[in-house]
Amino acid sequence: MPTTEPQGEILPPIGGAVPVPDYAPADSRAESATRSAAWREKSTFNPLASPATYLLVGINCVVYLWMCLHGVSFQSPTGNDLLRFGAMSVHDVLAGQWYRLLTATFVHIGIIHIGTNMWCLWNLGLLGEPLLGAYGLVAVYMLTGIAGNLLSLGLNVLFRLHDGISPTLGPDSVGAGASGAVFGIAGILIVLLSNKKLPIPWLELKRLRRSVIQFAVLNLIIGGATIFVNIIRIDNSAHIGGFVSGLVLGVPLIPRMTAGRQRYLSRQKITFAGAAFLLALVGYWISKLG
């Protein structure tokens, strides 16, 4: 029976949800100030204020509850149980079930796993959605989650070809969890929060950015430490893949963040479409290696 290896029990970001202005601020400073003030008055528990964040958290929770209602252990699901609901294994993906690179980001290995991941997703989503928009946040979640799983898959195949040992997922193990995508959101936030043209005091931007950086570094260290501790196995390569891809996605977006909504949305579409194409090429290359 496959062994289960969670992608990560990651810690919540430092501090709670922090108000930031709506994404693609208007050219008028007065309008920007008004919109920023309006955001501060929104409740962080209002799904209509951050629909994508609540949608992603909701889908993850519904999938977990659906698993539990169909006989899966709420604390220690088996590998076969996880695979039935869309988790990822190297064998299945290389056999053609590439959809698992995405569906695995909505499957979790127990109540603690989903609890920590959803707390982080909720905090980072509330911070990132005003800067990305609802569709942008969903796109970043999916693209960086897939990128993290692709890196894990690729490393497994490469190491197996060279010496038969993989530092990530073994051929019979199962990977699942939203943490790769959560790291991706953290990565893109680090880049976007470096834009000094945002109508936020620079000291506040630096504080927010520093908190996200501390969150990412701390959890990468924790993930790396599990190599030497057998209590739980965290697939840190998925975290790194998600984080780096988030950083890369943020770079082309910065010049258009304050250029108006339409220009910013156009840049997002081009960036995300290009990223999806590159991920498809990487997946094709890995399939040829395997």
C-alpha atoms as a PDB file:
ATOM      1  CA  MET A   1       0.000   0.000   0.000  1.00  0.00           C
ATOM      2  CA  PRO A   2       1.368   3.415  -0.893  1.00  0.00           C
ATOM      3  CA  THR A   3       2.751   5.515   1.912  1.00  0.00           C
ATOM      4  CA  THR A   4       1.339   8.977   2.378  1.00  0.00           C
ATOM      5  CA  GLU A   5       3.686  11.935   2.416  1.00  0.00           C
ATOM      6  CA  PRO A   6       2.032  15.307   3.073  1.00  0.00           C
ATOM      7  CA  GLN A   7       3.364  18.192   1.058  1.00  0.00           C
ATOM      8  CA  GLY A   8       3.643  20.263   4.170  1.00  0.00           C
ATOM      9  CA  GLU A   9       2.338  21.188   7.589  1.00  0.00           C
ATOM     10  CA  ILE A  10       3.016  24.887   7.194  1.00  0.00           C
ATOM     11  CA  LEU A  11       2.658  27.599   9.771  1.00  0.00           C
ATOM     12  CA  PRO A  12       0.272  30.530   9.452  1.00  0.00           C
ATOM     13  CA  PRO A  13       1.746  33.794   8.132  1.00  0.00           C
ATOM     14  CA  ILE A  14       2.983  36.249  10.716  1.00  0.00           C
ATOM     15  CA  GLY A  15       0.191  38.606  11.715  1.00  0.00           C
ATOM     16  CA  GLY A  16      -3.421  38.636  10.553  1.00  0.00           C
ATOM     17  CA  ALA A  17      -5.035  39.877   7.394  1.00  0.00           C
ATOM     18  CA  VAL A  18      -3.812  43.354   6.541  1.00  0.00           C
ATOM     19  CA  PRO A  19      -5.853  45.798   4.434  1.00  0.00           C
ATOM     20  CA  VAL A  20      -4.344  46.750   1.097  1.00  0.00           C
ATOM     21  CA  PRO A  21      -5.805  48.727  -1.807  1.00  0.00           C
ATOM     22  CA  ASP A  22      -7.734  47.136  -4.648  1.00  0.00           C
ATOM     23  CA  TYR A  23      -5.566  45.781  -7.434  1.00  0.00           C
ATOM     24  CA  ALA A  24      -4.665  47.970 -10.410  1.00  0.00           C
ATOM     25  CA  PRO A  25      -5.257  51.249  -8.540  1.00  0.00           C
ATOM     26  CA  ALA A  26      -6.798  54.117 -10.497  1.00  0.00           C
ATOM     27  CA  ASP A  27      -4.577  56.844 -11.874  1.00  0.00           C
ATOM     28  CA  SER A  28      -6.164  59.454  -9.612  1.00  0.00           C
ATOM     29  CA  ARG A  29      -4.552  59.705  -6.175  1.00  0.00           C
ATOM     30  CA  ALA A  30      -7.874  60.785  -4.706  1.00  0.00           C
ATOM     31  CA  GLU A  31      -9.641  57.737  -6.133  1.00  0.00           C
ATOM     32  CA  SER A  32      -6.858  55.503  -4.890  1.00  0.00           C
ATOM     33  CA  ALA A  33      -7.128  56.917  -1.384  1.00  0.00           C
ATOM     34  CA  THR A  34     -10.908  56.486  -1.431  1.00  0.00           C
ATOM     35  CA  ARG A  35     -10.699  52.872  -2.585  1.00  0.00           C
ATOM     36  CA  SER A  36      -8.004  52.109  -0.027  1.00  0.00           C
ATOM     37  CA  ALA A  37     -10.147  53.554   2.766  1.00  0.00           C
ATOM     38  CA  ALA A  38     -13.159  51.577   1.543  1.00  0.00           C
ATOM     39  CA  TRP A  39     -11.120  48.361   1.661  1.00  0.00           C
ATOM     40  CA  ARG A  40     -10.166  49.019   5.270  1.00  0.00           C
ATOM     41  CA  GLU A  41     -13.833  49.141   6.167  1.00  0.00           C
ATOM     42  CA  LYS A  42     -14.543  45.705   4.658  1.00  0.00           C
ATOM     43  CA  SER A  43     -14.909  42.779   7.007  1.00  0.00           C
ATOM     44  CA  THR A  44     -12.318  40.057   6.535  1.00  0.00           C
ATOM     45  CA  PHE A  45     -15.152  37.556   7.035  1.00  0.00           C
ATOM     46  CA  ASN A  46     -17.159  38.897   4.085  1.00  0.00           C
ATOM     47  CA  PRO A  47     -16.921  36.362   1.216  1.00  0.00           C
ATOM     48  CA  LEU A  48     -18.108  38.985  -1.267  1.00  0.00           C
ATOM     49  CA  ALA A  49     -15.065  41.136  -0.477  1.00  0.00           C
ATOM     50  CA  SER A  50     -12.599  38.343  -1.342  1.00  0.00           C
ATOM     51  CA  PRO A  51     -14.550  35.776  -3.379  1.00  0.00           C
ATOM     52  CA  ALA A  52     -11.573  33.858  -4.752  1.00  0.00           C
ATOM     53  CA  THR A  53     -10.020  33.343  -1.329  1.00  0.00           C
ATOM     54  CA  TYR A  54     -13.216  31.947   0.114  1.00  0.00           C
ATOM     55  CA  LEU A  55     -13.889  29.904  -3.025  1.00  0.00           C
ATOM     56  CA  LEU A  56     -10.489  28.191  -2.849  1.00  0.00           C
ATOM     57  CA  VAL A  57     -10.777  27.554   0.877  1.00  0.00           C
ATOM     58  CA  GLY A  58     -14.328  26.303   0.348  1.00  0.00           C
ATOM     59  CA  ILE A  59     -13.367  23.856  -2.404  1.00  0.00           C
ATOM     60  CA  ASN A  60     -10.574  22.410  -0.274  1.00  0.00           C
ATOM     61  CA  CYS A  61     -12.910  22.002   2.710  1.00  0.00           C
ATOM     62  CA  VAL A  62     -15.700  20.459   0.609  1.00  0.00           C
ATOM     63  CA  VAL A  63     -13.292  17.919  -0.892  1.00  0.00           C
ATOM     64  CA  TYR A  64     -12.041  17.004   2.582  1.00  0.00           C
ATOM     65  CA  LEU A  65     -15.572  16.626   3.953  1.00  0.00           C
ATOM     66  CA  TRP A  66     -16.588  14.613   0.885  1.00  0.00           C
ATOM     67  CA  MET A  67     -13.696  12.240   1.540  1.00  0.00           C
ATOM     68  CA  CYS A  68     -14.649  11.836   5.199  1.00  0.00           C
ATOM     69  CA  LEU A  69     -18.306  11.194   4.313  1.00  0.00           C
ATOM     70  CA  HIS A  70     -17.184   8.417   1.994  1.00  0.00           C
ATOM     71  CA  GLY A  71     -15.301   6.459   4.608  1.00  0.00           C
ATOM     72  CA  VAL A  72     -11.886   8.121   4.519  1.00  0.00           C
ATOM     73  CA  SER A  73     -10.226   8.614   7.911  1.00  0.00           C
ATOM     74  CA  PHE A  74     -10.358  12.263   8.976  1.00  0.00           C
ATOM     75  CA  GLN A  75      -6.915  11.942  10.582  1.00  0.00           C
ATOM     76  CA  SER A  76      -4.936   9.188   8.823  1.00  0.00           C
ATOM     77  CA  PRO A  77      -6.238   8.424   5.328  1.00  0.00           C
ATOM     78  CA  THR A  78      -4.562   5.644   3.379  1.00  0.00           C
ATOM     79  CA  GLY A  79      -2.693   6.199   0.161  1.00  0.00           C
ATOM     80  CA  ASN A  80      -5.359   4.395  -1.842  1.00  0.00           C
ATOM     81  CA  ASP A  81      -8.051   6.595  -0.297  1.00  0.00           C
ATOM     82  CA  LEU A  82      -6.170   9.734  -1.268  1.00  0.00           C
ATOM     83  CA  LEU A  83      -5.627   8.537  -4.814  1.00  0.00           C
ATOM     84  CA  ARG A  84      -9.348   7.851  -5.208  1.00  0.00           C
ATOM     85  CA  PHE A  85     -10.043  11.514  -4.610  1.00  0.00           C
ATOM     86  CA  GLY A  86      -7.334  12.985  -6.848  1.00  0.00           C
ATOM     87  CA  ALA A  87      -4.022  12.867  -4.970  1.00  0.00           C
ATOM     88  CA  MET A  88      -0.802  12.486  -6.916  1.00  0.00           C
ATOM     89  CA  SER A  89       1.510   9.541  -7.363  1.00  0.00           C
ATOM     90  CA  VAL A  90       4.446   9.432  -9.743  1.00  0.00           C
ATOM     91  CA  HIS A  91       3.245   6.214 -11.353  1.00  0.00           C
ATOM     92  CA  ASP A  92      -0.258   7.516 -12.070  1.00  0.00           C
ATOM     93  CA  VAL A  93       0.914  10.855 -13.466  1.00  0.00           C
ATOM     94  CA  LEU A  94       3.463   9.266 -15.782  1.00  0.00           C
ATOM     95  CA  ALA A  95       0.774   6.797 -16.861  1.00  0.00           C
ATOM     96  CA  GLY A  96      -1.164   9.725 -18.289  1.00  0.00           C
ATOM     97  CA  GLN A  97      -3.213  11.050 -15.366  1.00  0.00           C
ATOM     98  CA  TRP A  98      -1.736  14.523 -15.554  1.00  0.00           C
ATOM     99  CA  TYR A  99      -4.861  16.085 -14.079  1.00  0.00           C
ATOM    100  CA  ARG A 100      -3.570  14.890 -10.688  1.00  0.00           C
ATOM    101  CA  LEU A 101      -0.997  17.695 -10.724  1.00  0.00           C
ATOM    102  CA  LEU A 102      -3.927  20.048 -10.157  1.00  0.00           C
ATOM    103  CA  THR A 103      -6.443  17.918  -8.254  1.00  0.00           C
ATOM    104  CA  ALA A 104      -3.777  17.001  -5.680  1.00  0.00           C
ATOM    105  CA  THR A 105      -3.712  20.650  -4.591  1.00  0.00           C
ATOM    106  CA  PHE A 106      -7.269  20.224  -3.260  1.00  0.00           C
ATOM    107  CA  VAL A 107      -6.704  16.936  -1.398  1.00  0.00           C
ATOM    108  CA  HIS A 108      -5.382  16.848   2.169  1.00  0.00           C
ATOM    109  CA  ILE A 109      -3.920  14.224   4.476  1.00  0.00           C
ATOM    110  CA  GLY A 110      -5.849  14.648   7.688  1.00  0.00           C
ATOM    111  CA  ILE A 111      -7.451  17.382   9.751  1.00  0.00           C
ATOM    112  CA  ILE A 112      -4.182  19.009  10.848  1.00  0.00           C
ATOM    113  CA  HIS A 113      -2.885  19.145   7.303  1.00  0.00           C
ATOM    114  CA  ILE A 114      -5.952  20.903   5.898  1.00  0.00           C
ATOM    115  CA  GLY A 115      -6.319  23.115   8.976  1.00  0.00           C
ATOM    116  CA  THR A 116      -2.840  24.609   8.724  1.00  0.00           C
ATOM    117  CA  ASN A 117      -2.962  24.942   4.944  1.00  0.00           C
ATOM    118  CA  MET A 118      -6.364  26.643   4.927  1.00  0.00           C
ATOM    119  CA  TRP A 119      -5.340  29.078   7.666  1.00  0.00           C
ATOM    120  CA  CYS A 120      -2.331  30.113   5.583  1.00  0.00           C
ATOM    121  CA  LEU A 121      -4.352  30.260   2.357  1.00  0.00           C
ATOM    122  CA  TRP A 122      -6.996  32.421   4.020  1.00  0.00           C
ATOM    123  CA  ASN A 123      -4.455  34.925   5.372  1.00  0.00           C
ATOM    124  CA  LEU A 124      -2.365  35.151   2.217  1.00  0.00           C
ATOM    125  CA  GLY A 125      -5.446  35.179   0.001  1.00  0.00           C
ATOM    126  CA  LEU A 126      -6.995  38.137   1.825  1.00  0.00           C
ATOM    127  CA  LEU A 127      -3.719  39.990   1.406  1.00  0.00           C
ATOM    128  CA  GLY A 128      -3.130  38.989  -2.201  1.00  0.00           C
ATOM    129  CA  GLU A 129      -6.578  39.129  -3.781  1.00  0.00           C
ATOM    130  CA  PRO A 130      -6.799  42.956  -3.802  1.00  0.00           C
ATOM    131  CA  LEU A 131      -3.478  43.012  -5.662  1.00  0.00           C
ATOM    132  CA  LEU A 132      -4.335  40.241  -8.136  1.00  0.00           C
ATOM    133  CA  GLY A 133      -8.091  40.251  -8.468  1.00  0.00           C
ATOM    134  CA  ALA A 134     -10.278  37.186  -8.019  1.00  0.00           C
ATOM    135  CA  TYR A 135      -9.375  35.507 -11.294  1.00  0.00           C
ATOM    136  CA  GLY A 136      -5.715  36.350 -10.809  1.00  0.00           C
ATOM    137  CA  LEU A 137      -5.578  34.712  -7.397  1.00  0.00           C
ATOM    138  CA  VAL A 138      -7.227  31.525  -8.689  1.00  0.00           C
ATOM    139  CA  ALA A 139      -4.801  31.437 -11.633  1.00  0.00           C
ATOM    140  CA  VAL A 140      -1.799  31.858  -9.338  1.00  0.00           C
ATOM    141  CA  TYR A 141      -3.077  29.101  -7.033  1.00  0.00           C
ATOM    142  CA  MET A 142      -3.458  26.633  -9.895  1.00  0.00           C
ATOM    143  CA  LEU A 143      -0.291  27.528 -11.806  1.00  0.00           C
ATOM    144  CA  THR A 144       2.044  27.546  -8.811  1.00  0.00           C
ATOM    145  CA  GLY A 145       0.434  24.434  -7.342  1.00  0.00           C
ATOM    146  CA  ILE A 146       1.035  22.593 -10.607  1.00  0.00           C
ATOM    147  CA  ALA A 147       4.575  24.010 -10.836  1.00  0.00           C
ATOM    148  CA  GLY A 148       5.391  22.679  -7.366  1.00  0.00           C
ATOM    149  CA  ASN A 149       4.071  19.233  -8.194  1.00  0.00           C
ATOM    150  CA  LEU A 150       5.941  19.244 -11.499  1.00  0.00           C
ATOM    151  CA  LEU A 151       9.222  19.988  -9.743  1.00  0.00           C
ATOM    152  CA  SER A 152       8.596  17.144  -7.312  1.00  0.00           C
ATOM    153  CA  LEU A 153       7.737  14.824 -10.207  1.00  0.00           C
ATOM    154  CA  GLY A 154      10.749  15.899 -12.268  1.00  0.00           C
ATOM    155  CA  LEU A 155      13.217  15.455  -9.408  1.00  0.00           C
ATOM    156  CA  ASN A 156      11.798  12.026  -8.708  1.00  0.00           C
ATOM    157  CA  VAL A 157      12.259  10.940 -12.303  1.00  0.00           C
ATOM    158  CA  LEU A 158      15.781  12.398 -12.589  1.00  0.00           C
ATOM    159  CA  PHE A 159      17.042  10.856  -9.351  1.00  0.00           C
ATOM    160  CA  ARG A 160      15.450   7.532 -10.172  1.00  0.00           C
ATOM    161  CA  LEU A 161      17.204   7.495 -13.552  1.00  0.00           C
ATOM    162  CA  HIS A 162      20.598   8.205 -11.972  1.00  0.00           C
ATOM    163  CA  ASP A 163      20.735   6.183  -8.770  1.00  0.00           C
ATOM    164  CA  GLY A 164      17.284   4.841  -8.026  1.00  0.00           C
ATOM    165  CA  ILE A 165      16.853   7.129  -4.984  1.00  0.00           C
ATOM    166  CA  SER A 166      14.418  10.016  -4.862  1.00  0.00           C
ATOM    167  CA  PRO A 167      14.528  12.848  -2.298  1.00  0.00           C
ATOM    168  CA  THR A 168      10.819  13.543  -2.788  1.00  0.00           C
ATOM    169  CA  LEU A 169       8.054  11.142  -3.749  1.00  0.00           C
ATOM    170  CA  GLY A 170       8.829   7.491  -4.184  1.00  0.00           C
ATOM    171  CA  PRO A 171       7.142   5.538  -6.999  1.00  0.00           C
ATOM    172  CA  ASP A 172       4.542   4.129  -4.574  1.00  0.00           C
ATOM    173  CA  SER A 173       4.022   7.176  -2.357  1.00  0.00           C
ATOM    174  CA  VAL A 174       1.251   9.744  -2.516  1.00  0.00           C
ATOM    175  CA  GLY A 175       1.493  13.525  -2.530  1.00  0.00           C
ATOM    176  CA  ALA A 176      -1.310  15.920  -1.723  1.00  0.00           C
ATOM    177  CA  GLY A 177      -1.958  19.360  -0.286  1.00  0.00           C
ATOM    178  CA  ALA A 178      -2.368  23.037  -1.118  1.00  0.00           C
ATOM    179  CA  SER A 179       0.943  24.104   0.390  1.00  0.00           C
ATOM    180  CA  GLY A 180       2.775  24.356  -2.949  1.00  0.00           C
ATOM    181  CA  ALA A 181       0.108  26.794  -4.146  1.00  0.00           C
ATOM    182  CA  VAL A 182       0.208  28.636  -0.812  1.00  0.00           C
ATOM    183  CA  PHE A 183       3.950  29.126  -1.251  1.00  0.00           C
ATOM    184  CA  GLY A 184       3.245  30.336  -4.786  1.00  0.00           C
ATOM    185  CA  ILE A 185       0.914  33.038  -3.477  1.00  0.00           C
ATOM    186  CA  ALA A 186       3.563  34.013  -0.939  1.00  0.00           C
ATOM    187  CA  GLY A 187       6.149  34.254  -3.716  1.00  0.00           C
ATOM    188  CA  ILE A 188       4.105  36.526  -5.952  1.00  0.00           C
ATOM    189  CA  LEU A 189       3.164  38.710  -2.968  1.00  0.00           C
ATOM    190  CA  ILE A 190       6.824  39.278  -2.142  1.00  0.00           C
ATOM    191  CA  VAL A 191       7.323  40.658  -5.649  1.00  0.00           C
ATOM    192  CA  LEU A 192       4.117  42.696  -5.901  1.00  0.00           C
ATOM    193  CA  LEU A 193       4.605  44.282  -2.476  1.00  0.00           C
ATOM    194  CA  SER A 194       7.934  45.704  -3.676  1.00  0.00           C
ATOM    195  CA  ASN A 195       6.078  48.151  -5.940  1.00  0.00           C
ATOM    196  CA  LYS A 196       6.627  51.582  -4.389  1.00  0.00           C
ATOM    197  CA  LYS A 197       3.925  53.107  -6.608  1.00  0.00           C
ATOM    198  CA  LEU A 198       1.177  51.396  -4.624  1.00  0.00           C
ATOM    199  CA  PRO A 199      -0.819  53.890  -2.512  1.00  0.00           C
ATOM    200  CA  ILE A 200       0.496  52.400   0.717  1.00  0.00           C
ATOM    201  CA  PRO A 201       3.236  53.910   2.896  1.00  0.00           C
ATOM    202  CA  TRP A 202       6.568  52.322   2.017  1.00  0.00           C
ATOM    203  CA  LEU A 203       7.237  51.343   5.616  1.00  0.00           C
ATOM    204  CA  GLU A 204       3.948  49.425   5.676  1.00  0.00           C
ATOM    205  CA  LEU A 205       4.789  47.714   2.392  1.00  0.00           C
ATOM    206  CA  LYS A 206       8.172  46.696   3.774  1.00  0.00           C
ATOM    207  CA  ARG A 207       6.536  45.312   6.910  1.00  0.00           C
ATOM    208  CA  LEU A 208       4.049  43.252   4.923  1.00  0.00           C
ATOM    209  CA  ARG A 209       6.751  42.008   2.599  1.00  0.00           C
ATOM    210  CA  ARG A 210       9.046  41.096   5.481  1.00  0.00           C
ATOM    211  CA  SER A 211       6.255  39.099   7.139  1.00  0.00           C
ATOM    212  CA  VAL A 212       5.619  37.088   3.982  1.00  0.00           C
ATOM    213  CA  ILE A 213       9.360  36.465   3.526  1.00  0.00           C
ATOM    214  CA  GLN A 214       9.682  35.268   7.111  1.00  0.00           C
ATOM    215  CA  PHE A 215       6.709  32.968   6.595  1.00  0.00           C
ATOM    216  CA  ALA A 216       8.240  31.422   3.472  1.00  0.00           C
ATOM    217  CA  VAL A 217      11.761  31.019   4.865  1.00  0.00           C
ATOM    218  CA  LEU A 218      10.585  29.545   8.169  1.00  0.00           C
ATOM    219  CA  ASN A 219       8.405  26.944   6.508  1.00  0.00           C
ATOM    220  CA  LEU A 220      11.049  26.007   3.945  1.00  0.00           C
ATOM    221  CA  ILE A 221      13.458  25.398   6.840  1.00  0.00           C
ATOM    222  CA  ILE A 222      10.856  23.264   8.611  1.00  0.00           C
ATOM    223  CA  GLY A 223      10.260  21.313   5.416  1.00  0.00           C
ATOM    224  CA  GLY A 224      13.973  20.727   4.916  1.00  0.00           C
ATOM    225  CA  ALA A 225      14.427  19.605   8.506  1.00  0.00           C
ATOM    226  CA  THR A 226      11.971  16.747   8.022  1.00  0.00           C
ATOM    227  CA  ILE A 227      14.563  14.981   5.873  1.00  0.00           C
ATOM    228  CA  PHE A 228      16.334  14.149   9.142  1.00  0.00           C
ATOM    229  CA  VAL A 229      13.196  13.547  11.230  1.00  0.00           C
ATOM    230  CA  ASN A 230      10.868  10.644  10.564  1.00  0.00           C
ATOM    231  CA  ILE A 231       7.823  12.060  12.357  1.00  0.00           C
ATOM    232  CA  ILE A 232       6.355  13.436   9.140  1.00  0.00           C
ATOM    233  CA  ARG A 233       7.601  13.713   5.582  1.00  0.00           C
ATOM    234  CA  ILE A 234       7.189  17.073   3.876  1.00  0.00           C
ATOM    235  CA  ASP A 235       7.802  17.363   0.142  1.00  0.00           C
ATOM    236  CA  ASN A 236       9.858  20.546   0.219  1.00  0.00           C
ATOM    237  CA  SER A 237      10.505  20.418  -3.527  1.00  0.00           C
ATOM    238  CA  ALA A 238       6.805  21.164  -4.116  1.00  0.00           C
ATOM    239  CA  HIS A 239       7.127  24.155  -1.774  1.00  0.00           C
ATOM    240  CA  ILE A 240      10.207  25.431  -3.582  1.00  0.00           C
ATOM    241  CA  GLY A 241       8.622  24.929  -6.997  1.00  0.00           C
ATOM    242  CA  GLY A 242       5.502  26.821  -5.965  1.00  0.00           C
ATOM    243  CA  PHE A 243       7.480  29.610  -4.307  1.00  0.00           C
ATOM    244  CA  VAL A 244       9.900  30.188  -7.199  1.00  0.00           C
ATOM    245  CA  SER A 245       7.130  30.080  -9.798  1.00  0.00           C
ATOM    246  CA  GLY A 246       5.217  32.674  -7.759  1.00  0.00           C
ATOM    247  CA  LEU A 247       8.253  34.954  -7.730  1.00  0.00           C
ATOM    248  CA  VAL A 248       8.627  34.584 -11.502  1.00  0.00           C
ATOM    249  CA  LEU A 249       4.944  35.268 -12.190  1.00  0.00           C
ATOM    250  CA  GLY A 250       5.109  38.510 -10.227  1.00  0.00           C
ATOM    251  CA  VAL A 251       7.953  40.100 -12.206  1.00  0.00           C
ATOM    252  CA  PRO A 252       6.061  40.958 -15.439  1.00  0.00           C
ATOM    253  CA  LEU A 253       3.023  42.167 -13.476  1.00  0.00           C
ATOM    254  CA  ILE A 254       4.744  44.956 -11.523  1.00  0.00           C
ATOM    255  CA  PRO A 255       5.048  47.482 -14.427  1.00  0.00           C
ATOM    256  CA  ARG A 256       1.288  47.313 -15.079  1.00  0.00           C
ATOM    257  CA  MET A 257      -0.047  47.307 -11.518  1.00  0.00           C
ATOM    258  CA  THR A 258      -0.669  51.058 -11.521  1.00  0.00           C
ATOM    259  CA  ALA A 259      -1.249  51.473 -15.263  1.00  0.00           C
ATOM    260  CA  GLY A 260      -5.004  51.042 -15.057  1.00  0.00           C
ATOM    261  CA  ARG A 261      -7.264  48.027 -14.703  1.00  0.00           C
ATOM    262  CA  GLN A 262      -7.452  46.990 -18.364  1.00  0.00           C
ATOM    263  CA  ARG A 263      -3.707  47.118 -18.966  1.00  0.00           C
ATOM    264  CA  TYR A 264      -3.075  45.188 -15.797  1.00  0.00           C
ATOM    265  CA  LEU A 265      -5.640  42.524 -16.703  1.00  0.00           C
ATOM    266  CA  SER A 266      -4.145  42.206 -20.167  1.00  0.00           C
ATOM    267  CA  ARG A 267      -0.671  41.714 -18.710  1.00  0.00           C
ATOM    268  CA  GLN A 268      -2.082  39.081 -16.342  1.00  0.00           C
ATOM    269  CA  LYS A 269      -3.685  37.144 -19.177  1.00  0.00           C
ATOM    270  CA  ILE A 270      -0.468  37.110 -21.212  1.00  0.00           C
ATOM    271  CA  THR A 271       1.650  36.165 -18.192  1.00  0.00           C
ATOM    272  CA  PHE A 272      -0.599  33.369 -16.988  1.00  0.00           C
ATOM    273  CA  ALA A 273      -1.146  31.955 -20.483  1.00  0.00           C
ATOM    274  CA  GLY A 274       2.612  31.931 -21.083  1.00  0.00           C
ATOM    275  CA  ALA A 275       3.186  30.221 -17.744  1.00  0.00           C
ATOM    276  CA  ALA A 276       0.603  27.538 -18.552  1.00  0.00           C
ATOM    277  CA  PHE A 277       2.305  26.886 -21.877  1.00  0.00           C
ATOM    278  CA  LEU A 278       5.735  26.571 -20.240  1.00  0.00           C
ATOM    279  CA  LEU A 279       4.369  24.172 -17.617  1.00  0.00           C
ATOM    280  CA  ALA A 280       2.899  22.045 -20.408  1.00  0.00           C
ATOM    281  CA  LEU A 281       6.314  21.918 -22.089  1.00  0.00           C
ATOM    282  CA  VAL A 282       7.991  20.928 -18.819  1.00  0.00           C
ATOM    283  CA  GLY A 283       5.406  18.196 -18.287  1.00  0.00           C
ATOM    284  CA  TYR A 284       6.009  16.874 -21.799  1.00  0.00           C
ATOM    285  CA  TRP A 285       9.774  16.806 -21.187  1.00  0.00           C
ATOM    286  CA  ILE A 286       9.316  14.925 -17.913  1.00  0.00           C
ATOM    287  CA  SER A 287       7.044  12.400 -19.611  1.00  0.00           C
ATOM    288  CA  LYS A 288       9.782  11.646 -22.118  1.00  0.00           C
ATOM    289  CA  LEU A 289      12.320  11.160 -19.316  1.00  0.00           C
ATOM    290  CA  GLY A 290      10.017   8.796 -17.446  1.00  0.00           C
END
